[in-house]
PDB file of N, CA and C in Angstrom:
ATOM      1  N   MET A   1     -11.883   9.303  27.169  1.00  0.00           N
ATOM      2  CA  MET A   1     -11.862   9.902  25.843  1.00  0.00           C
ATOM      3  C   MET A   1     -10.664  10.827  25.734  1.00  0.00           C
ATOM      4  N   LEU A   2      -9.983  10.735  24.609  1.00  0.00           N
ATOM      5  CA  LEU A   2      -8.835  11.606  24.356  1.00  0.00           C
ATOM      6  C   LEU A   2      -9.284  12.902  23.709  1.00  0.00           C
ATOM      7  N   SER A   3      -8.610  13.973  24.068  1.00  0.00           N
ATOM      8  CA  SER A   3      -8.863  15.244  23.397  1.00  0.00           C
ATOM      9  C   SER A   3      -8.104  15.245  22.072  1.00  0.00           C
ATOM     10  N   ASP A   4      -8.436  16.179  21.201  1.00  0.00           N
ATOM     11  CA  ASP A   4      -7.726  16.291  19.930  1.00  0.00           C
ATOM     12  C   ASP A   4      -6.239  16.546  20.161  1.00  0.00           C
ATOM     13  N   ALA A   5      -5.911  17.352  21.168  1.00  0.00           N
ATOM     14  CA  ALA A   5      -4.513  17.657  21.478  1.00  0.00           C
ATOM     15  C   ALA A   5      -3.771  16.410  21.967  1.00  0.00           C
ATOM     16  N   GLN A   6      -4.417  15.595  22.778  1.00  0.00           N
ATOM     17  CA  GLN A   6      -3.785  14.369  23.265  1.00  0.00           C
ATOM     18  C   GLN A   6      -3.547  13.383  22.120  1.00  0.00           C
ATOM     19  N   LEU A   7      -4.520  13.254  21.244  1.00  0.00           N
ATOM     20  CA  LEU A   7      -4.371  12.366  20.096  1.00  0.00           C
ATOM     21  C   LEU A   7      -3.238  12.851  19.184  1.00  0.00           C
ATOM     22  N   ALA A   8      -3.169  14.157  18.963  1.00  0.00           N
ATOM     23  CA  ALA A   8      -2.099  14.723  18.142  1.00  0.00           C
ATOM     24  C   ALA A   8      -0.729  14.469  18.774  1.00  0.00           C
ATOM     25  N   ALA A   9      -0.643  14.573  20.084  1.00  0.00           N
ATOM     26  CA  ALA A   9       0.623  14.307  20.776  1.00  0.00           C
ATOM     27  C   ALA A   9       1.022  12.844  20.638  1.00  0.00           C
ATOM     28  N   MET A  10       0.049  11.938  20.737  1.00  0.00           N
ATOM     29  CA  MET A  10       0.335  10.513  20.564  1.00  0.00           C
ATOM     30  C   MET A  10       0.822  10.230  19.143  1.00  0.00           C
ATOM     31  N   ARG A  11       0.191  10.842  18.158  1.00  0.00           N
ATOM     32  CA  ARG A  11       0.589  10.658  16.768  1.00  0.00           C
ATOM     33  C   ARG A  11       2.009  11.179  16.533  1.00  0.00           C
ATOM     34  N   ASP A  12       2.333  12.314  17.132  1.00  0.00           N
ATOM     35  CA  ASP A  12       3.665  12.889  16.996  1.00  0.00           C
ATOM     36  C   ASP A  12       4.716  11.961  17.600  1.00  0.00           C
ATOM     37  N   THR A  13       4.439  11.423  18.772  1.00  0.00           N
ATOM     38  CA  THR A  13       5.365  10.492  19.426  1.00  0.00           C
ATOM     39  C   THR A  13       5.553   9.242  18.571  1.00  0.00           C
ATOM     40  N   ALA A  14       4.469   8.694  18.050  1.00  0.00           N
ATOM     41  CA  ALA A  14       4.542   7.498  17.207  1.00  0.00           C
ATOM     42  C   ALA A  14       5.328   7.778  15.927  1.00  0.00           C
ATOM     43  N   ALA A  15       5.134   8.940  15.333  1.00  0.00           N
ATOM     44  CA  ALA A  15       5.832   9.287  14.088  1.00  0.00           C
ATOM     45  C   ALA A  15       7.340   9.353  14.312  1.00  0.00           C
ATOM     46  N   ARG A  16       7.764   9.817  15.483  1.00  0.00           N
ATOM     47  CA  ARG A  16       9.189   9.901  15.785  1.00  0.00           C
ATOM     48  C   ARG A  16       9.803   8.525  16.041  1.00  0.00           C
ATOM     49  N   ALA A  17       8.977   7.504  16.199  1.00  0.00           N
ATOM     50  CA  ALA A  17       9.460   6.142  16.450  1.00  0.00           C
ATOM     51  C   ALA A  17       9.457   5.285  15.189  1.00  0.00           C
ATOM     52  N   LEU A  18       9.391   5.918  14.028  1.00  0.00           N
ATOM     53  CA  LEU A  18       9.416   5.193  12.752  1.00  0.00           C
ATOM     54  C   LEU A  18      10.790   5.420  12.117  1.00  0.00           C
ATOM     55  N   PRO A  19      11.704   4.451  12.251  1.00  0.00           N
ATOM     56  CA  PRO A  19      13.096   4.671  11.870  1.00  0.00           C
ATOM     57  C   PRO A  19      13.436   4.544  10.389  1.00  0.00           C
ATOM     58  N   GLY A  20      12.549   3.971   9.596  1.00  0.00           N
ATOM     59  CA  GLY A  20      12.862   3.740   8.189  1.00  0.00           C
ATOM     60  C   GLY A  20      11.930   4.473   7.262  1.00  0.00           C
ATOM     61  N   THR A  21      12.090   4.199   5.978  1.00  0.00           N
ATOM     62  CA  THR A  21      11.188   4.761   4.976  1.00  0.00           C
ATOM     63  C   THR A  21      10.786   3.663   3.995  1.00  0.00           C
ATOM     64  N   ALA A  22       9.663   3.878   3.358  1.00  0.00           N
ATOM     65  CA  ALA A  22       9.157   2.961   2.334  1.00  0.00           C
ATOM     66  C   ALA A  22       8.496   3.782   1.243  1.00  0.00           C
ATOM     67  N   VAL A  23       8.480   3.226   0.054  1.00  0.00           N
ATOM     68  CA  VAL A  23       7.788   3.852  -1.064  1.00  0.00           C
ATOM     69  C   VAL A  23       6.457   3.142  -1.231  1.00  0.00           C
ATOM     70  N   ILE A  24       5.384   3.913  -1.242  1.00  0.00           N
ATOM     71  CA  ILE A  24       4.044   3.372  -1.466  1.00  0.00           C
ATOM     72  C   ILE A  24       3.753   3.467  -2.956  1.00  0.00           C
ATOM     73  N   ARG A  25       3.320   2.337  -3.528  1.00  0.00           N
ATOM     74  CA  ARG A  25       2.970   2.301  -4.940  1.00  0.00           C
ATOM     75  C   ARG A  25       1.468   2.017  -5.059  1.00  0.00           C
ATOM     76  N   THR A  26       0.761   2.866  -5.778  1.00  0.00           N
ATOM     77  CA  THR A  26      -0.677   2.681  -5.974  1.00  0.00           C
ATOM     78  C   THR A  26      -0.930   1.999  -7.317  1.00  0.00           C
ATOM     79  N   SER A  27      -2.056   1.279  -7.364  1.00  0.00           N
ATOM     80  CA  SER A  27      -2.380   0.529  -8.581  1.00  0.00           C
ATOM     81  C   SER A  27      -3.325   1.295  -9.483  1.00  0.00           C
ATOM     82  N   THR A  28      -3.157   1.069 -10.774  1.00  0.00           N
ATOM     83  CA  THR A  28      -4.025   1.652 -11.789  1.00  0.00           C
ATOM     84  C   THR A  28      -4.319   0.576 -12.819  1.00  0.00           C
ATOM     85  N   TRP A  29      -5.578   0.449 -13.191  1.00  0.00           N
ATOM     86  CA  TRP A  29      -5.996  -0.497 -14.225  1.00  0.00           C
ATOM     87  C   TRP A  29      -5.899   0.210 -15.570  1.00  0.00           C
ATOM     88  N   VAL A  30      -5.176  -0.408 -16.514  1.00  0.00           N
ATOM     89  CA  VAL A  30      -5.022   0.151 -17.847  1.00  0.00           C
ATOM     90  C   VAL A  30      -5.692  -0.794 -18.826  1.00  0.00           C
ATOM     91  N   SER A  31      -6.754  -0.323 -19.454  1.00  0.00           N
ATOM     92  CA  SER A  31      -7.500  -1.131 -20.414  1.00  0.00           C
ATOM     93  C   SER A  31      -6.730  -1.260 -21.716  1.00  0.00           C
ATOM     94  N   ASP A  32      -6.873  -2.425 -22.356  1.00  0.00           N
ATOM     95  CA  ASP A  32      -6.260  -2.605 -23.673  1.00  0.00           C
ATOM     96  C   ASP A  32      -7.250  -2.272 -24.786  1.00  0.00           C
ATOM     97  N   GLY A  33      -8.454  -1.832 -24.410  1.00  0.00           N
ATOM     98  CA  GLY A  33      -9.463  -1.465 -25.390  1.00  0.00           C
ATOM     99  C   GLY A  33     -10.270  -2.629 -25.918  1.00  0.00           C
ATOM    100  N   GLY A  34      -9.897  -3.844 -25.552  1.00  0.00           N
ATOM    101  CA  GLY A  34     -10.593  -5.020 -26.045  1.00  0.00           C
ATOM    102  C   GLY A  34     -11.240  -5.835 -24.943  1.00  0.00           C
ATOM    103  N   GLY A  35     -11.434  -5.214 -23.793  1.00  0.00           N
ATOM    104  CA  GLY A  35     -12.076  -5.917 -22.684  1.00  0.00           C
ATOM    105  C   GLY A  35     -11.121  -6.460 -21.644  1.00  0.00           C
ATOM    106  N   ALA A  36      -9.855  -6.411 -21.908  1.00  0.00           N
ATOM    107  CA  ALA A  36      -8.858  -6.868 -20.937  1.00  0.00           C
ATOM    108  C   ALA A  36      -7.950  -5.690 -20.594  1.00  0.00           C
ATOM    109  N   GLY A  37      -6.925  -5.950 -19.862  1.00  0.00           N
ATOM    110  CA  GLY A  37      -5.988  -4.895 -19.502  1.00  0.00           C
ATOM    111  C   GLY A  37      -4.996  -5.390 -18.477  1.00  0.00           C
ATOM    112  N   THR A  38      -4.241  -4.485 -17.930  1.00  0.00           N
ATOM    113  CA  THR A  38      -3.238  -4.831 -16.930  1.00  0.00           C
ATOM    114  C   THR A  38      -3.273  -3.832 -15.776  1.00  0.00           C
ATOM    115  N   THR A  39      -2.773  -4.288 -14.646  1.00  0.00           N
ATOM    116  CA  THR A  39      -2.628  -3.412 -13.493  1.00  0.00           C
ATOM    117  C   THR A  39      -1.188  -2.930 -13.449  1.00  0.00           C
ATOM    118  N   THR A  40      -1.009  -1.636 -13.349  1.00  0.00           N
ATOM    119  CA  THR A  40       0.334  -1.070 -13.225  1.00  0.00           C
ATOM    120  C   THR A  40       0.438  -0.376 -11.876  1.00  0.00           C
ATOM    121  N   PHE A  41       1.659  -0.276 -11.372  1.00  0.00           N
ATOM    122  CA  PHE A  41       1.899   0.369 -10.088  1.00  0.00           C
ATOM    123  C   PHE A  41       2.807   1.574 -10.281  1.00  0.00           C
ATOM    124  N   THR A  42       2.429   2.663  -9.629  1.00  0.00           N
ATOM    125  CA  THR A  42       3.163   3.917  -9.717  1.00  0.00           C
ATOM    126  C   THR A  42       3.503   4.406  -8.327  1.00  0.00           C
ATOM    127  N   ALA A  43       4.737   4.868  -8.154  1.00  0.00           N
ATOM    128  CA  ALA A  43       5.153   5.403  -6.855  1.00  0.00           C
ATOM    129  C   ALA A  43       4.306   6.620  -6.504  1.00  0.00           C
ATOM    130  N   ALA A  44       3.686   6.564  -5.320  1.00  0.00           N
ATOM    131  CA  ALA A  44       2.821   7.651  -4.875  1.00  0.00           C
ATOM    132  C   ALA A  44       3.501   8.528  -3.828  1.00  0.00           C
ATOM    133  N   GLY A  45       4.584   8.034  -3.242  1.00  0.00           N
ATOM    134  CA  GLY A  45       5.289   8.828  -2.256  1.00  0.00           C
ATOM    135  C   GLY A  45       6.106   7.974  -1.314  1.00  0.00           C
ATOM    136  N   THR A  46       6.983   8.639  -0.594  1.00  0.00           N
ATOM    137  CA  THR A  46       7.830   7.987   0.399  1.00  0.00           C
ATOM    138  C   THR A  46       7.307   8.349   1.777  1.00  0.00           C
ATOM    139  N   VAL A  47       7.172   7.341   2.636  1.00  0.00           N
ATOM    140  CA  VAL A  47       6.628   7.555   3.971  1.00  0.00           C
ATOM    141  C   VAL A  47       7.541   6.919   5.019  1.00  0.00           C
ATOM    142  N   ALA A  48       7.484   7.440   6.233  1.00  0.00           N
ATOM    143  CA  ALA A  48       8.229   6.864   7.357  1.00  0.00           C
ATOM    144  C   ALA A  48       7.563   5.550   7.753  1.00  0.00           C
ATOM    145  N   CYS A  49       8.380   4.589   8.200  1.00  0.00           N
ATOM    146  CA  CYS A  49       7.811   3.301   8.577  1.00  0.00           C
ATOM    147  C   CYS A  49       8.689   2.556   9.578  1.00  0.00           C
ATOM    148  N   ARG A  50       8.096   1.539  10.132  1.00  0.00           N
ATOM    149  CA  ARG A  50       8.800   0.520  10.928  1.00  0.00           C
ATOM    150  C   ARG A  50       8.269  -0.803  10.409  1.00  0.00           C
ATOM    151  N   VAL A  51       9.127  -1.823  10.344  1.00  0.00           N
ATOM    152  CA  VAL A  51       8.704  -3.118   9.817  1.00  0.00           C
ATOM    153  C   VAL A  51       9.133  -4.208  10.791  1.00  0.00           C
ATOM    154  N   ALA A  52       8.269  -5.193  10.942  1.00  0.00           N
ATOM    155  CA  ALA A  52       8.552  -6.327  11.831  1.00  0.00           C
ATOM    156  C   ALA A  52       7.952  -7.583  11.210  1.00  0.00           C
ATOM    157  N   PRO A  53       8.611  -8.722  11.407  1.00  0.00           N
ATOM    158  CA  PRO A  53       8.035  -9.967  10.887  1.00  0.00           C
ATOM    159  C   PRO A  53       6.741 -10.298  11.617  1.00  0.00           C
ATOM    160  N   ILE A  54       5.758 -10.813  10.885  1.00  0.00           N
ATOM    161  CA  ILE A  54       4.503 -11.223  11.516  1.00  0.00           C
ATOM    162  C   ILE A  54       4.689 -12.542  12.228  1.00  0.00           C
ATOM    163  N   ASP A  55       5.431 -13.440  11.583  1.00  0.00           N
ATOM    164  CA  ASP A  55       5.593 -14.779  12.134  1.00  0.00           C
ATOM    165  C   ASP A  55       6.993 -15.261  11.824  1.00  0.00           C
ATOM    166  N   ALA A  56       7.712 -15.716  12.814  1.00  0.00           N
ATOM    167  CA  ALA A  56       9.074 -16.204  12.607  1.00  0.00           C
ATOM    168  C   ALA A  56       9.104 -17.672  12.211  1.00  0.00           C
ATOM    169  N   VAL A  57       7.946 -18.290  12.034  1.00  0.00           N
ATOM    170  CA  VAL A  57       7.855 -19.708  11.707  1.00  0.00           C
ATOM    171  C   VAL A  57       7.463 -19.868  10.239  1.00  0.00           C
ATOM    172  N   GLU A  58       8.101 -20.808   9.551  1.00  0.00           N
ATOM    173  CA  GLU A  58       7.722 -21.075   8.165  1.00  0.00           C
ATOM    174  C   GLU A  58       6.297 -21.603   8.124  1.00  0.00           C
ATOM    175  N   LYS A  59       5.552 -21.202   7.113  1.00  0.00           N
ATOM    176  CA  LYS A  59       4.167 -21.638   6.973  1.00  0.00           C
ATOM    177  C   LYS A  59       4.041 -22.585   5.799  1.00  0.00           C
ATOM    178  N   ILE A  60       3.064 -23.468   5.889  1.00  0.00           N
ATOM    179  CA  ILE A  60       2.764 -24.397   4.804  1.00  0.00           C
ATOM    180  C   ILE A  60       1.608 -23.809   4.004  1.00  0.00           C
ATOM    181  N   GLU A  61       1.793 -23.745   2.688  1.00  0.00           N
ATOM    182  CA  GLU A  61       0.759 -23.220   1.810  1.00  0.00           C
ATOM    183  C   GLU A  61       0.670 -24.147   0.603  1.00  0.00           C
ATOM    184  N   GLY A  62      -0.458 -24.791   0.412  1.00  0.00           N
ATOM    185  CA  GLY A  62      -0.619 -25.720  -0.703  1.00  0.00           C
ATOM    186  C   GLY A  62       0.331 -26.897  -0.616  1.00  0.00           C
ATOM    187  N   SER A  63       0.513 -27.433   0.580  1.00  0.00           N
ATOM    188  CA  SER A  63       1.395 -28.572   0.855  1.00  0.00           C
ATOM    189  C   SER A  63       2.878 -28.267   0.620  1.00  0.00           C
ATOM    190  N   ARG A  64       3.214 -26.982   0.519  1.00  0.00           N
ATOM    191  CA  ARG A  64       4.606 -26.582   0.331  1.00  0.00           C
ATOM    192  C   ARG A  64       4.960 -25.507   1.345  1.00  0.00           C
ATOM    193  N   ILE A  65       6.233 -25.409   1.672  1.00  0.00           N
ATOM    194  CA  ILE A  65       6.678 -24.332   2.556  1.00  0.00           C
ATOM    195  C   ILE A  65       6.579 -23.023   1.785  1.00  0.00           C
ATOM    196  N   ASP A  66       5.928 -22.046   2.373  1.00  0.00           N
ATOM    197  CA  ASP A  66       5.744 -20.741   1.759  1.00  0.00           C
ATOM    198  C   ASP A  66       7.045 -19.943   1.904  1.00  0.00           C
ATOM    199  N   PRO A  67       7.708 -19.605   0.786  1.00  0.00           N
ATOM    200  CA  PRO A  67       8.995 -18.917   0.885  1.00  0.00           C
ATOM    201  C   PRO A  67       8.887 -17.414   1.109  1.00  0.00           C
ATOM    202  N   ASP A  68       7.700 -16.872   0.983  1.00  0.00           N
ATOM    203  CA  ASP A  68       7.539 -15.426   1.078  1.00  0.00           C
ATOM    204  C   ASP A  68       7.512 -14.951   2.522  1.00  0.00           C
ATOM    205  N   SER A  69       8.073 -13.796   2.735  1.00  0.00           N
ATOM    206  CA  SER A  69       8.100 -13.188   4.060  1.00  0.00           C
ATOM    207  C   SER A  69       6.825 -12.390   4.299  1.00  0.00           C
ATOM    208  N   GLU A  70       6.227 -12.589   5.458  1.00  0.00           N
ATOM    209  CA  GLU A  70       5.070 -11.787   5.841  1.00  0.00           C
ATOM    210  C   GLU A  70       5.514 -10.813   6.923  1.00  0.00           C
ATOM    211  N   VAL A  71       5.161  -9.545   6.734  1.00  0.00           N
ATOM    212  CA  VAL A  71       5.605  -8.515   7.653  1.00  0.00           C
ATOM    213  C   VAL A  71       4.447  -7.607   8.047  1.00  0.00           C
ATOM    214  N   LEU A  72       4.675  -6.858   9.106  1.00  0.00           N
ATOM    215  CA  LEU A  72       3.731  -5.842   9.562  1.00  0.00           C
ATOM    216  C   LEU A  72       4.430  -4.496   9.476  1.00  0.00           C
ATOM    217  N   PHE A  73       3.922  -3.643   8.615  1.00  0.00           N
ATOM    218  CA  PHE A  73       4.442  -2.278   8.503  1.00  0.00           C
ATOM    219  C   PHE A  73       3.648  -1.373   9.430  1.00  0.00           C
ATOM    220  N   THR A  74       4.336  -0.473  10.092  1.00  0.00           N
ATOM    221  CA  THR A  74       3.696   0.584  10.866  1.00  0.00           C
ATOM    222  C   THR A  74       4.011   1.894  10.160  1.00  0.00           C
ATOM    223  N   PHE A  75       2.969   2.625   9.787  1.00  0.00           N
ATOM    224  CA  PHE A  75       3.102   3.922   9.122  1.00  0.00           C
ATOM    225  C   PHE A  75       2.432   4.989   9.980  1.00  0.00           C
ATOM    226  N   GLU A  76       2.671   6.241   9.625  1.00  0.00           N
ATOM    227  CA  GLU A  76       1.923   7.306  10.280  1.00  0.00           C
ATOM    228  C   GLU A  76       0.441   7.095   9.994  1.00  0.00           C
ATOM    229  N   TRP A  77      -0.386   7.574  10.883  1.00  0.00           N
ATOM    230  CA  TRP A  77      -1.823   7.292  10.861  1.00  0.00           C
ATOM    231  C   TRP A  77      -2.486   7.683   9.546  1.00  0.00           C
ATOM    232  N   ASP A  78      -1.948   8.676   8.847  1.00  0.00           N
ATOM    233  CA  ASP A  78      -2.595   9.170   7.625  1.00  0.00           C
ATOM    234  C   ASP A  78      -1.811   8.820   6.358  1.00  0.00           C
ATOM    235  N   ALA A  79      -1.067   7.717   6.401  1.00  0.00           N
ATOM    236  CA  ALA A  79      -0.246   7.328   5.248  1.00  0.00           C
ATOM    237  C   ALA A  79      -1.092   7.010   4.018  1.00  0.00           C
ATOM    238  N   GLY A  80      -2.314   6.580   4.219  1.00  0.00           N
ATOM    239  CA  GLY A  80      -3.217   6.356   3.095  1.00  0.00           C
ATOM    240  C   GLY A  80      -2.964   5.086   2.310  1.00  0.00           C
ATOM    241  N   VAL A  81      -2.387   4.083   2.927  1.00  0.00           N
ATOM    242  CA  VAL A  81      -2.143   2.811   2.246  1.00  0.00           C
ATOM    243  C   VAL A  81      -3.445   2.017   2.201  1.00  0.00           C
ATOM    244  N   ASP A  82      -3.741   1.406   1.047  1.00  0.00           N
ATOM    245  CA  ASP A  82      -4.937   0.571   0.961  1.00  0.00           C
ATOM    246  C   ASP A  82      -4.571  -0.833   0.479  1.00  0.00           C
ATOM    247  N   VAL A  83      -5.545  -1.703   0.412  1.00  0.00           N
ATOM    248  CA  VAL A  83      -5.287  -3.112   0.090  1.00  0.00           C
ATOM    249  C   VAL A  83      -4.874  -3.346  -1.363  1.00  0.00           C
ATOM    250  N   ASN A  84      -4.954  -2.341  -2.197  1.00  0.00           N
ATOM    251  CA  ASN A  84      -4.535  -2.482  -3.591  1.00  0.00           C
ATOM    252  C   ASN A  84      -3.120  -1.959  -3.823  1.00  0.00           C
ATOM    253  N   ALA A  85      -2.435  -1.584  -2.756  1.00  0.00           N
ATOM    254  CA  ALA A  85      -1.117  -0.964  -2.876  1.00  0.00           C
ATOM    255  C   ALA A  85       0.014  -1.980  -2.777  1.00  0.00           C
ATOM    256  N   GLN A  86       1.183  -1.514  -3.136  1.00  0.00           N
ATOM    257  CA  GLN A  86       2.427  -2.232  -2.898  1.00  0.00           C
ATOM    258  C   GLN A  86       3.322  -1.331  -2.056  1.00  0.00           C
ATOM    259  N   VAL A  87       4.232  -1.966  -1.308  1.00  0.00           N
ATOM    260  CA  VAL A  87       5.181  -1.231  -0.486  1.00  0.00           C
ATOM    261  C   VAL A  87       6.577  -1.697  -0.892  1.00  0.00           C
ATOM    262  N   VAL A  88       7.456  -0.755  -1.189  1.00  0.00           N
ATOM    263  CA  VAL A  88       8.843  -1.067  -1.515  1.00  0.00           C
ATOM    264  C   VAL A  88       9.691  -0.654  -0.323  1.00  0.00           C
ATOM    265  N   HIS A  89      10.410  -1.630   0.239  1.00  0.00           N
ATOM    266  CA  HIS A  89      11.207  -1.366   1.438  1.00  0.00           C
ATOM    267  C   HIS A  89      12.392  -2.328   1.492  1.00  0.00           C
ATOM    268  N   GLY A  90      13.565  -1.797   1.797  1.00  0.00           N
ATOM    269  CA  GLY A  90      14.735  -2.629   2.014  1.00  0.00           C
ATOM    270  C   GLY A  90      15.094  -3.541   0.861  1.00  0.00           C
ATOM    271  N   GLY A  91      14.894  -3.098  -0.355  1.00  0.00           N
ATOM    272  CA  GLY A  91      15.227  -3.903  -1.513  1.00  0.00           C
ATOM    273  C   GLY A  91      14.160  -4.905  -1.919  1.00  0.00           C
ATOM    274  N   GLY A  92      13.055  -4.972  -1.196  1.00  0.00           N
ATOM    275  CA  GLY A  92      11.974  -5.887  -1.530  1.00  0.00           C
ATOM    276  C   GLY A  92      10.693  -5.152  -1.871  1.00  0.00           C
ATOM    277  N   THR A  93       9.828  -5.827  -2.592  1.00  0.00           N
ATOM    278  CA  THR A  93       8.503  -5.295  -2.901  1.00  0.00           C
ATOM    279  C   THR A  93       7.483  -6.186  -2.216  1.00  0.00           C
ATOM    280  N   PHE A  94       6.541  -5.563  -1.544  1.00  0.00           N
ATOM    281  CA  PHE A  94       5.538  -6.269  -0.761  1.00  0.00           C
ATOM    282  C   PHE A  94       4.159  -5.892  -1.271  1.00  0.00           C
ATOM    283  N   THR A  95       3.270  -6.879  -1.328  1.00  0.00           N
ATOM    284  CA  THR A  95       1.875  -6.608  -1.657  1.00  0.00           C
ATOM    285  C   THR A  95       1.088  -6.558  -0.357  1.00  0.00           C
ATOM    286  N   VAL A  96       0.208  -5.600  -0.257  1.00  0.00           N
ATOM    287  CA  VAL A  96      -0.599  -5.444   0.949  1.00  0.00           C
ATOM    288  C   VAL A  96      -1.625  -6.570   1.008  1.00  0.00           C
ATOM    289  N   THR A  97      -1.658  -7.267   2.140  1.00  0.00           N
ATOM    290  CA  THR A  97      -2.608  -8.370   2.311  1.00  0.00           C
ATOM    291  C   THR A  97      -3.703  -8.039   3.306  1.00  0.00           C
ATOM    292  N   GLY A  98      -3.525  -6.991   4.088  1.00  0.00           N
ATOM    293  CA  GLY A  98      -4.559  -6.622   5.042  1.00  0.00           C
ATOM    294  C   GLY A  98      -4.224  -5.354   5.798  1.00  0.00           C
ATOM    295  N   LEU A  99      -5.263  -4.702   6.250  1.00  0.00           N
ATOM    296  CA  LEU A  99      -5.134  -3.513   7.080  1.00  0.00           C
ATOM    297  C   LEU A  99      -5.712  -3.830   8.445  1.00  0.00           C
ATOM    298  N   ARG A 100      -5.014  -3.462   9.484  1.00  0.00           N
ATOM    299  CA  ARG A 100      -5.528  -3.693  10.834  1.00  0.00           C
ATOM    300  C   ARG A 100      -6.333  -2.470  11.247  1.00  0.00           C
ATOM    301  N   ALA A 101      -7.614  -2.532  10.930  1.00  0.00           N
ATOM    302  CA  ALA A 101      -8.513  -1.415  11.188  1.00  0.00           C
ATOM    303  C   ALA A 101      -9.909  -1.989  11.378  1.00  0.00           C
ATOM    304  N   PRO A 102     -10.857  -1.305  11.917  1.00  0.00           N
ATOM    305  CA  PRO A 102     -10.742   0.023  12.533  1.00  0.00           C
ATOM    306  C   PRO A 102     -10.098  -0.070  13.913  1.00  0.00           C
ATOM    307  N   ARG A 103      -9.661   1.053  14.374  1.00  0.00           N
ATOM    308  CA  ARG A 103      -9.020   1.121  15.682  1.00  0.00           C
ATOM    309  C   ARG A 103      -9.652   2.267  16.467  1.00  0.00           C
ATOM    310  N   SER A 104      -9.636   2.133  17.771  1.00  0.00           N
ATOM    311  CA  SER A 104     -10.270   3.153  18.618  1.00  0.00           C
ATOM    312  C   SER A 104      -9.675   4.532  18.383  1.00  0.00           C
ATOM    313  N   TRP A 105      -8.352   4.608  18.418  1.00  0.00           N
ATOM    314  CA  TRP A 105      -7.663   5.871  18.166  1.00  0.00           C
ATOM    315  C   TRP A 105      -6.646   5.645  17.066  1.00  0.00           C
ATOM    316  N   PRO A 106      -6.818   6.255  15.915  1.00  0.00           N
ATOM    317  CA  PRO A 106      -5.873   6.056  14.812  1.00  0.00           C
ATOM    318  C   PRO A 106      -4.568   6.815  15.052  1.00  0.00           C
ATOM    319  N   VAL A 107      -3.665   6.164  15.809  1.00  0.00           N
ATOM    320  CA  VAL A 107      -2.368   6.762  16.122  1.00  0.00           C
ATOM    321  C   VAL A 107      -1.361   6.395  15.036  1.00  0.00           C
ATOM    322  N   THR A 108      -1.441   5.172  14.531  1.00  0.00           N
ATOM    323  CA  THR A 108      -0.605   4.691  13.433  1.00  0.00           C
ATOM    324  C   THR A 108      -1.492   3.891  12.482  1.00  0.00           C
ATOM    325  N   GLN A 109      -0.942   3.562  11.327  1.00  0.00           N
ATOM    326  CA  GLN A 109      -1.637   2.677  10.399  1.00  0.00           C
ATOM    327  C   GLN A 109      -0.825   1.389  10.325  1.00  0.00           C
ATOM    328  N   LEU A 110      -1.454   0.258  10.638  1.00  0.00           N
ATOM    329  CA  LEU A 110      -0.798  -1.043  10.601  1.00  0.00           C
ATOM    330  C   LEU A 110      -1.217  -1.781   9.341  1.00  0.00           C
ATOM    331  N   VAL A 111      -0.214  -2.231   8.581  1.00  0.00           N
ATOM    332  CA  VAL A 111      -0.455  -2.849   7.283  1.00  0.00           C
ATOM    333  C   VAL A 111       0.263  -4.183   7.220  1.00  0.00           C
ATOM    334  N   GLU A 112      -0.487  -5.245   6.964  1.00  0.00           N
ATOM    335  CA  GLU A 112       0.096  -6.566   6.755  1.00  0.00           C
ATOM    336  C   GLU A 112       0.468  -6.697   5.291  1.00  0.00           C
ATOM    337  N   ALA A 113       1.643  -7.277   5.039  1.00  0.00           N
ATOM    338  CA  ALA A 113       2.107  -7.393   3.655  1.00  0.00           C
ATOM    339  C   ALA A 113       2.925  -8.659   3.467  1.00  0.00           C
ATOM    340  N   LYS A 114       3.012  -9.078   2.224  1.00  0.00           N
ATOM    341  CA  LYS A 114       3.750 -10.291   1.878  1.00  0.00           C
ATOM    342  C   LYS A 114       4.757  -9.927   0.781  1.00  0.00           C
ATOM    343  N   GLU A 115       6.001 -10.371   0.960  1.00  0.00           N
ATOM    344  CA  GLU A 115       7.033 -10.061  -0.003  1.00  0.00           C
ATOM    345  C   GLU A 115       6.787 -10.809  -1.301  1.00  0.00           C
ATOM    346  N   ILE A 116       6.903 -10.073  -2.421  1.00  0.00           N
ATOM    347  CA  ILE A 116       6.690 -10.695  -3.728  1.00  0.00           C
ATOM    348  C   ILE A 116       7.968 -10.707  -4.556  1.00  0.00           C
ATOM    349  N   THR A 117       8.948  -9.884  -4.227  1.00  0.00           N
ATOM    350  CA  THR A 117      10.257  -9.915  -4.915  1.00  0.00           C
ATOM    351  C   THR A 117      11.360  -9.634  -3.936  1.00  0.00           C
TER     352      THR A 117
END
C-alpha cells in the first residue's frame, strides 16, 4: 500500500513527464425549445499531456479503411476529462472514446480518443 506522500510523489513525477498541452472542451446541450437541440463544446481549460498512437495499423470499419487517428492521451490524474469531452491538440480535434479506469493508484488519467478534424 502506498502512503499519501508516496502517491503524491508519483503524481508529481508523472506530471513532469507530460511534454505537451491540450485544450479540454466540455459539452453542453442547448435546447431549441421545441424538443430538439444541439450539443455545443466550450473550452474548459488547458492541461499538460502526452499523446501516443493506440495502433499503428489501419483499421477496417464498415468495410472501409478508417481514416481517423486513434490516440491515447495521458493527463494529470485530476484533469477531469470525461467521455462527453473533446480534446484539441496539435491542430486536431479528438472526441473521447473511452477512459482507462478504474486504476489501483490514480497517478495519471488515460484517455482514448479519435480524431474528428
